[in-house]
Amino acid sequence: MPNIKIVTEVAGRICAMPVQVGGTVADGDEIVVIEAMKMEIPVPSPASGTITSLLVKLNDVVAEGQAIAIVAN
């Protein structure tokens, strides 16, 4: 099973995390929601699989291009 690192394309604050480590996601499911410029921007999973690691927590501030989770498919 290859691991896929999920990165954010925007900088901002993590305002929602609808997944948990060990949970399964489908291609396109939201991994986290980032608040940036008074907007909520979802970060989708690029593939189906199992969340093996969450690299951020609620209210963390993230940078553009930062890894936020790892999915094994």
PDB file of N, CA and C in Angstrom:
ATOM      1  N   MET A   1       0.836  -1.191   0.000  1.00  0.00           N
ATOM      2  CA  MET A   1       0.000   0.000   0.000  1.00  0.00           C
ATOM      3  C   MET A   1       0.875   1.247   0.000  1.00  0.00           C
ATOM      4  N   PRO A   2       0.833   2.035  -1.026  1.00  0.00           N
ATOM      5  CA  PRO A   2       1.602   3.276  -1.000  1.00  0.00           C
ATOM      6  C   PRO A   2       0.915   4.323  -0.117  1.00  0.00           C
ATOM      7  N   ASN A   3       1.725   5.108   0.561  1.00  0.00           N
ATOM      8  CA  ASN A   3       1.203   6.198   1.376  1.00  0.00           C
ATOM      9  C   ASN A   3       1.138   7.456   0.536  1.00  0.00           C
ATOM     10  N   ILE A   4       0.057   8.204   0.702  1.00  0.00           N
ATOM     11  CA  ILE A   4      -0.135   9.457  -0.023  1.00  0.00           C
ATOM     12  C   ILE A   4      -0.146  10.585   0.993  1.00  0.00           C
ATOM     13  N   LYS A   5       0.745  11.548   0.817  1.00  0.00           N
ATOM     14  CA  LYS A   5       0.808  12.711   1.692  1.00  0.00           C
ATOM     15  C   LYS A   5      -0.161  13.753   1.148  1.00  0.00           C
ATOM     16  N   ILE A   6      -1.062  14.220   2.004  1.00  0.00           N
ATOM     17  CA  ILE A   6      -2.035  15.235   1.611  1.00  0.00           C
ATOM     18  C   ILE A   6      -1.517  16.594   2.069  1.00  0.00           C
ATOM     19  N   VAL A   7      -1.432  17.530   1.136  1.00  0.00           N
ATOM     20  CA  VAL A   7      -0.936  18.873   1.452  1.00  0.00           C
ATOM     21  C   VAL A   7      -2.015  19.908   1.166  1.00  0.00           C
ATOM     22  N   THR A   8      -1.910  21.021   1.859  1.00  0.00           N
ATOM     23  CA  THR A   8      -2.865  22.108   1.648  1.00  0.00           C
ATOM     24  C   THR A   8      -2.333  23.079   0.600  1.00  0.00           C
ATOM     25  N   GLU A   9      -3.230  23.649  -0.161  1.00  0.00           N
ATOM     26  CA  GLU A   9      -2.852  24.621  -1.190  1.00  0.00           C
ATOM     27  C   GLU A   9      -2.999  26.056  -0.704  1.00  0.00           C
ATOM     28  N   VAL A  10      -3.512  26.216   0.535  1.00  0.00           N
ATOM     29  CA  VAL A  10      -3.692  27.565   1.094  1.00  0.00           C
ATOM     30  C   VAL A  10      -3.160  27.608   2.520  1.00  0.00           C
ATOM     31  N   ALA A  11      -2.777  28.799   2.949  1.00  0.00           N
ATOM     32  CA  ALA A  11      -2.388  29.017   4.337  1.00  0.00           C
ATOM     33  C   ALA A  11      -3.619  29.446   5.119  1.00  0.00           C
ATOM     34  N   GLY A  12      -3.692  29.069   6.377  1.00  0.00           N
ATOM     35  CA  GLY A  12      -4.821  29.463   7.211  1.00  0.00           C
ATOM     36  C   GLY A  12      -4.863  28.667   8.491  1.00  0.00           C
ATOM     37  N   ARG A  13      -6.033  28.661   9.129  1.00  0.00           N
ATOM     38  CA  ARG A  13      -6.238  27.977  10.413  1.00  0.00           C
ATOM     39  C   ARG A  13      -7.159  26.784  10.215  1.00  0.00           C
ATOM     40  N   ILE A  14      -6.805  25.650  10.805  1.00  0.00           N
ATOM     41  CA  ILE A  14      -7.653  24.450  10.733  1.00  0.00           C
ATOM     42  C   ILE A  14      -8.899  24.709  11.578  1.00  0.00           C
ATOM     43  N   CYS A  15     -10.069  24.730  10.948  1.00  0.00           N
ATOM     44  CA  CYS A  15     -11.301  25.026  11.687  1.00  0.00           C
ATOM     45  C   CYS A  15     -12.230  23.820  11.803  1.00  0.00           C
ATOM     46  N   ALA A  16     -11.942  22.742  11.062  1.00  0.00           N
ATOM     47  CA  ALA A  16     -12.742  21.515  11.182  1.00  0.00           C
ATOM     48  C   ALA A  16     -11.913  20.338  10.708  1.00  0.00           C
ATOM     49  N   MET A  17     -12.139  19.192  11.384  1.00  0.00           N
ATOM     50  CA  MET A  17     -11.442  17.954  11.020  1.00  0.00           C
ATOM     51  C   MET A  17     -12.467  16.815  11.061  1.00  0.00           C
ATOM     52  N   PRO A  18     -13.137  16.560   9.943  1.00  0.00           N
ATOM     53  CA  PRO A  18     -14.193  15.552   9.935  1.00  0.00           C
ATOM     54  C   PRO A  18     -13.703  14.101   9.889  1.00  0.00           C
ATOM     55  N   VAL A  19     -12.390  13.865   9.916  1.00  0.00           N
ATOM     56  CA  VAL A  19     -11.861  12.497   9.861  1.00  0.00           C
ATOM     57  C   VAL A  19     -11.019  12.209  11.095  1.00  0.00           C
ATOM     58  N   GLN A  20     -10.775  10.902  11.326  1.00  0.00           N
ATOM     59  CA  GLN A  20      -9.944  10.460  12.432  1.00  0.00           C
ATOM     60  C   GLN A  20      -8.933   9.457  11.918  1.00  0.00           C
ATOM     61  N   VAL A  21      -7.824   9.303  12.644  1.00  0.00           N
ATOM     62  CA  VAL A  21      -6.842   8.278  12.296  1.00  0.00           C
ATOM     63  C   VAL A  21      -7.531   6.918  12.350  1.00  0.00           C
ATOM     64  N   GLY A  22      -7.327   6.124  11.325  1.00  0.00           N
ATOM     65  CA  GLY A  22      -7.962   4.813  11.229  1.00  0.00           C
ATOM     66  C   GLY A  22      -9.254   4.829  10.426  1.00  0.00           C
ATOM     67  N   GLY A  23      -9.779   6.021  10.175  1.00  0.00           N
ATOM     68  CA  GLY A  23     -11.007   6.148   9.394  1.00  0.00           C
ATOM     69  C   GLY A  23     -10.727   5.990   7.903  1.00  0.00           C
ATOM     70  N   THR A  24     -11.749   5.616   7.175  1.00  0.00           N
ATOM     71  CA  THR A  24     -11.596   5.474   5.726  1.00  0.00           C
ATOM     72  C   THR A  24     -12.178   6.694   5.026  1.00  0.00           C
ATOM     73  N   VAL A  25     -11.572   7.029   3.890  1.00  0.00           N
ATOM     74  CA  VAL A  25     -12.039   8.147   3.081  1.00  0.00           C
ATOM     75  C   VAL A  25     -12.126   7.699   1.628  1.00  0.00           C
ATOM     76  N   ALA A  26     -13.008   8.357   0.898  1.00  0.00           N
ATOM     77  CA  ALA A  26     -13.120   8.133  -0.542  1.00  0.00           C
ATOM     78  C   ALA A  26     -12.421   9.287  -1.255  1.00  0.00           C
ATOM     79  N   ASP A  27     -12.105   9.086  -2.500  1.00  0.00           N
ATOM     80  CA  ASP A  27     -11.508  10.144  -3.312  1.00  0.00           C
ATOM     81  C   ASP A  27     -12.419  11.364  -3.269  1.00  0.00           C
ATOM     82  N   GLY A  28     -11.885  12.501  -2.842  1.00  0.00           N
ATOM     83  CA  GLY A  28     -12.657  13.739  -2.786  1.00  0.00           C
ATOM     84  C   GLY A  28     -13.268  14.059  -1.440  1.00  0.00           C
ATOM     85  N   ASP A  29     -13.224  13.116  -0.484  1.00  0.00           N
ATOM     86  CA  ASP A  29     -13.757  13.405   0.858  1.00  0.00           C
ATOM     87  C   ASP A  29     -12.914  14.475   1.537  1.00  0.00           C
ATOM     88  N   GLU A  30     -13.551  15.297   2.368  1.00  0.00           N
ATOM     89  CA  GLU A  30     -12.844  16.342   3.099  1.00  0.00           C
ATOM     90  C   GLU A  30     -11.990  15.740   4.203  1.00  0.00           C
ATOM     91  N   ILE A  31     -10.729  16.164   4.258  1.00  0.00           N
ATOM     92  CA  ILE A  31      -9.824  15.741   5.326  1.00  0.00           C
ATOM     93  C   ILE A  31      -9.838  16.789   6.435  1.00  0.00           C
ATOM     94  N   VAL A  32      -9.672  18.049   6.069  1.00  0.00           N
ATOM     95  CA  VAL A  32      -9.776  19.173   7.001  1.00  0.00           C
ATOM     96  C   VAL A  32     -10.440  20.334   6.267  1.00  0.00           C
ATOM     97  N   VAL A  33     -10.865  21.319   7.051  1.00  0.00           N
ATOM     98  CA  VAL A  33     -11.376  22.575   6.492  1.00  0.00           C
ATOM     99  C   VAL A  33     -10.496  23.680   7.052  1.00  0.00           C
ATOM    100  N   ILE A  34     -10.016  24.537   6.152  1.00  0.00           N
ATOM    101  CA  ILE A  34      -9.120  25.625   6.538  1.00  0.00           C
ATOM    102  C   ILE A  34      -9.846  26.956   6.390  1.00  0.00           C
ATOM    103  N   GLU A  35      -9.746  27.774   7.428  1.00  0.00           N
ATOM    104  CA  GLU A  35     -10.292  29.129   7.371  1.00  0.00           C
ATOM    105  C   GLU A  35      -9.182  30.047   6.877  1.00  0.00           C
ATOM    106  N   ALA A  36      -9.448  30.694   5.755  1.00  0.00           N
ATOM    107  CA  ALA A  36      -8.472  31.620   5.175  1.00  0.00           C
ATOM    108  C   ALA A  36      -9.231  32.767   4.531  1.00  0.00           C
ATOM    109  N   MET A  37      -8.834  33.969   4.823  1.00  0.00           N
ATOM    110  CA  MET A  37      -9.459  35.168   4.243  1.00  0.00           C
ATOM    111  C   MET A  37     -10.971  35.162   4.448  1.00  0.00           C
ATOM    112  N   LYS A  38     -11.403  34.761   5.657  1.00  0.00           N
ATOM    113  CA  LYS A  38     -12.815  34.723   6.050  1.00  0.00           C
ATOM    114  C   LYS A  38     -13.633  33.738   5.208  1.00  0.00           C
ATOM    115  N   MET A  39     -12.945  32.763   4.608  1.00  0.00           N
ATOM    116  CA  MET A  39     -13.619  31.713   3.830  1.00  0.00           C
ATOM    117  C   MET A  39     -13.220  30.365   4.421  1.00  0.00           C
ATOM    118  N   GLU A  40     -14.090  29.367   4.264  1.00  0.00           N
ATOM    119  CA  GLU A  40     -13.766  28.009   4.691  1.00  0.00           C
ATOM    120  C   GLU A  40     -13.453  27.188   3.448  1.00  0.00           C
ATOM    121  N   ILE A  41     -12.241  26.670   3.393  1.00  0.00           N
ATOM    122  CA  ILE A  41     -11.760  25.959   2.211  1.00  0.00           C
ATOM    123  C   ILE A  41     -11.486  24.505   2.574  1.00  0.00           C
ATOM    124  N   PRO A  42     -12.227  23.563   1.980  1.00  0.00           N
ATOM    125  CA  PRO A  42     -11.985  22.149   2.284  1.00  0.00           C
ATOM    126  C   PRO A  42     -10.731  21.640   1.585  1.00  0.00           C
ATOM    127  N   VAL A  43     -10.039  20.715   2.247  1.00  0.00           N
ATOM    128  CA  VAL A  43      -8.891  20.033   1.648  1.00  0.00           C
ATOM    129  C   VAL A  43      -9.335  18.596   1.410  1.00  0.00           C
ATOM    130  N   PRO A  44      -9.507  18.197   0.136  1.00  0.00           N
ATOM    131  CA  PRO A  44     -10.019  16.864  -0.169  1.00  0.00           C
ATOM    132  C   PRO A  44      -8.915  15.807  -0.217  1.00  0.00           C
ATOM    133  N   SER A  45      -9.318  14.571  -0.027  1.00  0.00           N
ATOM    134  CA  SER A  45      -8.400  13.446  -0.197  1.00  0.00           C
ATOM    135  C   SER A  45      -8.229  13.185  -1.690  1.00  0.00           C
ATOM    136  N   PRO A  46      -6.991  12.997  -2.151  1.00  0.00           N
ATOM    137  CA  PRO A  46      -6.770  12.739  -3.575  1.00  0.00           C
ATOM    138  C   PRO A  46      -7.011  11.280  -3.966  1.00  0.00           C
ATOM    139  N   ALA A  47      -7.286  10.422  -2.974  1.00  0.00           N
ATOM    140  CA  ALA A  47      -7.492   8.997  -3.257  1.00  0.00           C
ATOM    141  C   ALA A  47      -8.289   8.356  -2.132  1.00  0.00           C
ATOM    142  N   SER A  48      -8.861   7.205  -2.417  1.00  0.00           N
ATOM    143  CA  SER A  48      -9.541   6.419  -1.387  1.00  0.00           C
ATOM    144  C   SER A  48      -8.501   5.713  -0.539  1.00  0.00           C
ATOM    145  N   GLY A  49      -8.833   5.496   0.721  1.00  0.00           N
ATOM    146  CA  GLY A  49      -7.919   4.768   1.587  1.00  0.00           C
ATOM    147  C   GLY A  49      -8.231   4.973   3.051  1.00  0.00           C
ATOM    148  N   THR A  50      -7.241   4.686   3.875  1.00  0.00           N
ATOM    149  CA  THR A  50      -7.354   4.795   5.326  1.00  0.00           C
ATOM    150  C   THR A  50      -6.429   5.899   5.813  1.00  0.00           C
ATOM    151  N   ILE A  51      -6.931   6.737   6.709  1.00  0.00           N
ATOM    152  CA  ILE A  51      -6.113   7.789   7.305  1.00  0.00           C
ATOM    153  C   ILE A  51      -5.151   7.116   8.284  1.00  0.00           C
ATOM    154  N   THR A  52      -3.858   7.189   7.997  1.00  0.00           N
ATOM    155  CA  THR A  52      -2.867   6.578   8.878  1.00  0.00           C
ATOM    156  C   THR A  52      -2.246   7.589   9.830  1.00  0.00           C
ATOM    157  N   SER A  53      -2.318   8.875   9.475  1.00  0.00           N
ATOM    158  CA  SER A  53      -1.725   9.898  10.334  1.00  0.00           C
ATOM    159  C   SER A  53      -2.349  11.251  10.038  1.00  0.00           C
ATOM    160  N   LEU A  54      -2.652  11.991  11.100  1.00  0.00           N
ATOM    161  CA  LEU A  54      -3.053  13.399  10.981  1.00  0.00           C
ATOM    162  C   LEU A  54      -1.900  14.225  11.534  1.00  0.00           C
ATOM    163  N   LEU A  55      -1.360  15.099  10.724  1.00  0.00           N
ATOM    164  CA  LEU A  55      -0.165  15.858  11.077  1.00  0.00           C
ATOM    165  C   LEU A  55      -0.480  17.232  11.650  1.00  0.00           C
ATOM    166  N   VAL A  56      -1.761  17.551  11.774  1.00  0.00           N
ATOM    167  CA  VAL A  56      -2.208  18.827  12.335  1.00  0.00           C
ATOM    168  C   VAL A  56      -3.337  18.555  13.316  1.00  0.00           C
ATOM    169  N   LYS A  57      -3.675  19.573  14.094  1.00  0.00           N
ATOM    170  CA  LYS A  57      -4.824  19.453  14.988  1.00  0.00           C
ATOM    171  C   LYS A  57      -5.697  20.700  14.849  1.00  0.00           C
ATOM    172  N   LEU A  58      -6.879  20.643  15.398  1.00  0.00           N
ATOM    173  CA  LEU A  58      -7.830  21.739  15.321  1.00  0.00           C
ATOM    174  C   LEU A  58      -7.180  23.028  15.829  1.00  0.00           C
ATOM    175  N   ASN A  59      -7.397  24.118  15.121  1.00  0.00           N
ATOM    176  CA  ASN A  59      -6.893  25.469  15.409  1.00  0.00           C
ATOM    177  C   ASN A  59      -5.418  25.676  15.081  1.00  0.00           C
ATOM    178  N   ASP A  60      -4.729  24.665  14.539  1.00  0.00           N
ATOM    179  CA  ASP A  60      -3.356  24.876  14.070  1.00  0.00           C
ATOM    180  C   ASP A  60      -3.368  25.840  12.898  1.00  0.00           C
ATOM    181  N   VAL A  61      -2.312  26.631  12.783  1.00  0.00           N
ATOM    182  CA  VAL A  61      -2.114  27.498  11.622  1.00  0.00           C
ATOM    183  C   VAL A  61      -1.174  26.752  10.679  1.00  0.00           C
ATOM    184  N   VAL A  62      -1.593  26.628   9.414  1.00  0.00           N
ATOM    185  CA  VAL A  62      -0.814  25.886   8.430  1.00  0.00           C
ATOM    186  C   VAL A  62      -0.348  26.809   7.305  1.00  0.00           C
ATOM    187  N   ALA A  63       0.747  26.412   6.683  1.00  0.00           N
ATOM    188  CA  ALA A  63       1.310  27.161   5.563  1.00  0.00           C
ATOM    189  C   ALA A  63       0.919  26.488   4.253  1.00  0.00           C
ATOM    190  N   GLU A  64       0.932  27.247   3.185  1.00  0.00           N
ATOM    191  CA  GLU A  64       0.686  26.701   1.853  1.00  0.00           C
ATOM    192  C   GLU A  64       1.709  25.591   1.578  1.00  0.00           C
ATOM    193  N   GLY A  65       1.236  24.445   1.112  1.00  0.00           N
ATOM    194  CA  GLY A  65       2.115  23.332   0.793  1.00  0.00           C
ATOM    195  C   GLY A  65       2.461  22.443   1.965  1.00  0.00           C
ATOM    196  N   GLN A  66       1.909  22.726   3.136  1.00  0.00           N
ATOM    197  CA  GLN A  66       2.203  21.931   4.335  1.00  0.00           C
ATOM    198  C   GLN A  66       1.447  20.609   4.293  1.00  0.00           C
ATOM    199  N   ALA A  67       2.111  19.528   4.697  1.00  0.00           N
ATOM    200  CA  ALA A  67       1.462  18.217   4.800  1.00  0.00           C
ATOM    201  C   ALA A  67       0.512  18.227   5.983  1.00  0.00           C
ATOM    202  N   ILE A  68      -0.703  17.710   5.774  1.00  0.00           N
ATOM    203  CA  ILE A  68      -1.676  17.699   6.857  1.00  0.00           C
ATOM    204  C   ILE A  68      -2.109  16.301   7.275  1.00  0.00           C
ATOM    205  N   ALA A  69      -1.960  15.326   6.361  1.00  0.00           N
ATOM    206  CA  ALA A  69      -2.378  13.967   6.677  1.00  0.00           C
ATOM    207  C   ALA A  69      -1.710  12.992   5.732  1.00  0.00           C
ATOM    208  N   ILE A  70      -1.749  11.713   6.128  1.00  0.00           N
ATOM    209  CA  ILE A  70      -1.235  10.647   5.276  1.00  0.00           C
ATOM    210  C   ILE A  70      -2.328   9.601   5.118  1.00  0.00           C
ATOM    211  N   VAL A  71      -2.563   9.202   3.862  1.00  0.00           N
ATOM    212  CA  VAL A  71      -3.573   8.201   3.533  1.00  0.00           C
ATOM    213  C   VAL A  71      -2.874   7.003   2.879  1.00  0.00           C
ATOM    214  N   ALA A  72      -3.225   5.812   3.333  1.00  0.00           N
ATOM    215  CA  ALA A  72      -2.723   4.585   2.696  1.00  0.00           C
ATOM    216  C   ALA A  72      -3.863   4.027   1.862  1.00  0.00           C
ATOM    217  N   ASN A  73      -3.562   3.736   0.602  1.00  0.00           N
ATOM    218  CA  ASN A  73      -4.637   3.185  -0.245  1.00  0.00           C
ATOM    219  C   ASN A  73      -4.309   1.812  -0.735  1.00  0.00           C
TER     220      ASN A  73
END
